[in-house]
Each structure stands twice: as structure tokens, then as C-alpha cells.
Protein backbone atom coordinates (compact mmCIF):
# COMPACT_ATOMS: atom_id res chain seq x y z
CA MET A 1 12.41 -17.54 6.41
CA LYS A 2 14.74 -16.52 9.21
CA GLU A 3 16.35 -13.75 7.14
CA LEU A 4 13.00 -12.03 6.64
CA ILE A 5 12.09 -12.11 10.32
CA GLU A 6 15.50 -10.59 11.15
CA VAL A 7 14.91 -7.53 8.94
CA PRO A 8 14.64 -4.41 11.15
CA VAL A 9 11.08 -3.37 12.01
CA GLU A 10 11.60 0.09 10.47
CA ARG A 11 12.28 -1.53 7.09
CA LYS A 12 9.40 -4.02 7.39
CA GLN A 13 7.00 -1.14 8.05
CA LYS A 14 7.82 0.20 4.57
CA ASN A 15 5.94 -2.80 3.14
CA ALA A 16 2.64 -0.99 3.74
CA SER A 17 -0.77 -1.25 2.14
CA PRO A 18 -4.03 0.64 2.63
CA MET A 19 -5.85 -2.70 2.57
CA PRO A 20 -6.25 -4.47 5.93
CA TYR A 21 -3.85 -7.39 6.50
CA HIS A 22 -1.86 -6.61 3.36
CA GLY A 23 1.72 -5.45 3.48
CA TRP A 24 3.50 -6.05 6.79
CA VAL A 25 1.42 -7.08 9.79
CA GLY A 26 3.66 -7.05 12.80
CA PRO A 27 3.61 -8.41 16.32
CA CYS A 28 3.06 -4.85 17.53
CA ASN A 29 -0.67 -5.15 16.93
CA GLN A 30 -2.99 -6.43 19.61
CA VAL A 31 -4.33 -9.33 17.53
CA SER A 32 -1.35 -11.52 18.34
CA LEU A 33 2.04 -10.70 19.74
CA LEU A 34 3.47 -13.85 18.15
CA TYR A 35 2.22 -13.27 14.61
CA GLU A 36 4.09 -11.55 11.81
CA GLY A 37 2.92 -11.56 8.22
CA PHE A 38 3.99 -10.11 4.88
CA GLY A 39 1.70 -9.42 1.98
CA LEU A 40 2.99 -9.19 -1.55
CA GLY A 41 0.32 -8.00 -3.96
CA ASP A 42 1.53 -9.79 -7.09
CA ALA A 43 3.89 -12.58 -6.05
CA SER A 44 3.85 -14.11 -9.54
CA ASN A 45 5.30 -10.92 -11.04
CA TYR A 46 9.12 -10.76 -11.10
CA ASP A 47 9.24 -6.96 -10.74
CA SER A 48 6.91 -7.08 -7.75
CA VAL A 49 9.07 -9.68 -5.99
CA LYS A 50 12.25 -7.79 -6.89
CA SER A 51 10.81 -4.54 -5.48
CA PHE A 52 9.88 -6.33 -2.26
CA ALA A 53 13.35 -7.88 -1.95
CA GLN A 54 15.02 -4.52 -2.58
CA LEU A 55 12.80 -2.95 0.08
CA MET A 56 13.70 -5.60 2.65
CA TRP A 57 17.39 -5.90 1.70
CA PRO A 58 18.53 -2.64 0.05
CA ASP A 59 22.16 -3.89 0.04
CA GLY A 60 21.18 -7.11 -1.68
CA HIS A 61 20.49 -10.67 -0.61
CA PRO A 62 22.18 -13.71 -2.20
CA ARG A 63 18.91 -15.65 -2.61
CA PHE A 64 17.27 -12.89 -4.64
CA TRP A 65 20.11 -11.60 -6.83
């Protein structure tokens, strides 16, 4: 999703997790400069998805609300 990739790095870094390769994994790491991934712990839970969307787009996003 283009909109997610365009989110500023500072905001993406807030999607953090103590578990390896969960949360945001950015191209800043040495594994791959072309890889970017997002982990969402409970994607089937509405509140979890809503919290993630609010974290990425604090001013709202038309696809999520």
C-alpha cells in the first residue's frame, strides 16, 4: 500500500515490538535495504487494527475511518 510506505520513518518506528521481526522492520537495517515490513500482532481484532491506523495516520485516513 503506497500510503503506508509514504508514512514518515519517525512514525513507522512507533510500531515497535520487543519480538524480532515484529512491528516495523525498516530498510535501515543491514538485512536488506529494499525491504520494509510491518507487523500487527492481532490483525483480526478491530481495536488492534484501529490502533495501528491511528498510529500511522494520527489525522485520519479515509480507508480506515
